[in-house]
Amino acid sequence: MHFWSRILVNAAIFLALAGFFQSQLAGSYQYAFYVSGVGIALLASFVLALLNAVVKPIFFILSLPITILTLGLFSIVLNAAMLELTSYFVGANFAFKSFGVTLLVAVVMAIFNAIINDHFARN
């Protein structure tokens, strides 16, 4: 999948997850993840892509011993940290209520991205 299509897919996932967290279905997690609009979702997706290209490799190398000890599960925490950094750079229009919610969004995004990448790889 190309860079810009990945940006669009991540923006769509951000909007879908923010919509879910605004609904009654989220239960106690209602209003835990906020995206103010499509433009902010695109901006956040672009910032996340930049952070994943520049900062994440450095964090990955620094946390390699922990990642090995946890059999790769610490990479989910790294993904959540990238989302928190994205939230910091984008501002109040893209926000998480807690780091736990950020972890949940990181896991769901990883699952959706894996499914979508598998679909594009088959075509």
Protein backbone atom coordinates (compact mmCIF):
# COMPACT_ATOMS: atom_id res chain seq x y z
CA MET A 1 0.00 0.00 0.00
CA HIS A 2 1.35 3.43 -0.91
CA PHE A 3 2.09 6.27 1.49
CA TRP A 4 -0.96 8.43 0.69
CA SER A 5 -3.39 5.52 0.68
CA ARG A 6 -2.07 4.51 4.10
CA ILE A 7 -2.66 8.10 5.29
CA LEU A 8 -6.27 7.94 4.06
CA VAL A 9 -6.86 4.53 5.64
CA ASN A 10 -5.47 5.65 9.01
CA ALA A 11 -7.60 8.82 8.87
CA ALA A 12 -10.68 6.70 8.20
CA ILE A 13 -9.80 4.43 11.12
CA PHE A 14 -9.34 7.48 13.37
CA LEU A 15 -12.76 8.80 12.37
CA ALA A 16 -14.44 5.42 12.83
CA LEU A 17 -12.90 4.90 16.26
CA ALA A 18 -13.72 8.44 17.35
CA GLY A 19 -17.31 7.90 16.22
CA PHE A 20 -17.48 4.68 18.18
CA PHE A 21 -16.12 6.35 21.32
CA GLN A 22 -18.74 9.09 20.99
CA SER A 23 -21.61 6.57 20.91
CA GLN A 24 -23.48 4.85 23.71
CA LEU A 25 -21.91 1.52 22.66
CA ALA A 26 -18.58 2.56 24.19
CA GLY A 27 -20.07 2.36 27.69
CA SER A 28 -17.65 3.71 30.28
CA TYR A 29 -15.21 4.65 27.50
CA GLN A 30 -17.65 7.15 26.00
CA TYR A 31 -15.86 10.40 25.07
CA ALA A 32 -12.46 8.76 25.70
CA PHE A 33 -11.13 9.49 22.18
CA TYR A 34 -11.90 12.69 20.31
CA VAL A 35 -11.23 13.79 16.73
CA SER A 36 -12.82 17.10 15.76
CA GLY A 37 -13.16 16.46 12.03
CA VAL A 38 -11.90 14.98 8.78
CA GLY A 39 -9.13 17.55 8.36
CA ILE A 40 -7.77 16.86 11.82
CA ALA A 41 -7.94 13.11 11.17
CA LEU A 42 -5.90 13.58 7.97
CA LEU A 43 -3.42 15.82 9.80
CA ALA A 44 -3.10 13.32 12.66
CA SER A 45 -2.59 10.49 10.21
CA PHE A 46 0.16 12.44 8.43
CA VAL A 47 1.86 13.37 11.72
CA LEU A 48 1.65 9.73 12.84
CA ALA A 49 3.30 8.61 9.59
CA LEU A 50 6.12 11.13 10.09
CA LEU A 51 6.64 10.07 13.70
CA ASN A 52 6.64 6.40 12.69
CA ALA A 53 9.32 7.14 10.09
CA VAL A 54 11.56 9.33 12.25
CA VAL A 55 11.03 8.70 15.97
CA LYS A 56 9.76 5.13 16.18
CA PRO A 57 12.97 3.47 14.92
CA ILE A 58 14.93 5.27 17.64
CA PHE A 59 12.43 4.19 20.32
CA PHE A 60 12.47 0.65 18.93
CA ILE A 61 16.26 0.36 19.18
CA LEU A 62 16.29 1.82 22.70
CA SER A 63 13.56 -0.56 23.85
CA LEU A 64 14.83 -3.66 22.06
CA PRO A 65 15.75 -5.55 25.27
CA ILE A 66 12.25 -4.99 26.71
CA THR A 67 10.67 -5.94 23.40
CA ILE A 68 12.65 -9.20 23.33
CA LEU A 69 11.76 -10.01 26.95
CA THR A 70 8.06 -9.46 26.28
CA LEU A 71 8.20 -11.44 23.03
CA GLY A 72 7.28 -8.37 20.98
CA LEU A 73 4.28 -7.25 23.03
CA PHE A 74 6.07 -4.06 24.04
CA SER A 75 5.70 -2.91 20.43
CA ILE A 76 2.03 -2.23 21.24
CA VAL A 77 3.20 0.21 23.91
CA LEU A 78 5.49 1.85 21.32
CA ASN A 79 2.52 2.23 18.97
CA ALA A 80 0.51 3.80 21.78
CA ALA A 81 3.41 6.14 22.55
CA MET A 82 3.43 7.23 18.89
CA LEU A 83 -0.30 7.96 19.14
CA GLU A 84 0.27 10.01 22.31
CA LEU A 85 3.02 11.99 20.56
CA THR A 86 0.65 12.53 17.65
CA SER A 87 -1.96 13.83 20.08
CA TYR A 88 0.62 16.19 21.58
CA PHE A 89 1.64 17.62 18.19
CA VAL A 90 -1.87 17.88 16.72
CA GLY A 91 -3.36 19.50 19.81
CA ALA A 92 -6.72 19.46 21.58
CA ASN A 93 -8.63 18.53 18.41
CA PHE A 94 -7.15 15.01 18.62
CA ALA A 95 -7.14 13.73 22.19
CA PHE A 96 -7.18 10.61 24.34
CA LYS A 97 -8.62 10.44 27.84
CA SER A 98 -5.93 8.09 29.19
CA PHE A 99 -3.00 5.95 28.14
CA GLY A 100 -5.21 2.87 28.48
CA VAL A 101 -7.53 4.22 25.82
CA THR A 102 -4.48 4.99 23.69
CA LEU A 103 -3.37 1.35 24.05
CA LEU A 104 -6.83 0.17 23.04
CA VAL A 105 -6.85 2.41 19.96
CA ALA A 106 -3.33 1.24 19.05
CA VAL A 107 -4.42 -2.42 19.20
CA VAL A 108 -7.55 -1.80 17.13
CA MET A 109 -5.60 0.22 14.57
CA ALA A 110 -3.00 -2.55 14.28
CA ILE A 111 -5.73 -5.13 13.68
CA PHE A 112 -7.50 -3.01 11.05
CA ASN A 113 -4.22 -2.14 9.31
CA ALA A 114 -3.25 -5.82 9.20
CA ILE A 115 -6.59 -6.76 7.64
CA ILE A 116 -6.46 -3.94 5.10
CA ASN A 117 -2.81 -4.61 4.19
CA ASP A 118 -3.63 -8.29 3.70
CA HIS A 119 -6.49 -7.34 1.40
CA PHE A 120 -4.28 -5.07 -0.72
CA ALA A 121 -1.50 -7.67 -0.81
CA ARG A 122 -3.87 -10.24 -2.31
CA ASN A 123 -5.04 -7.90 -5.07
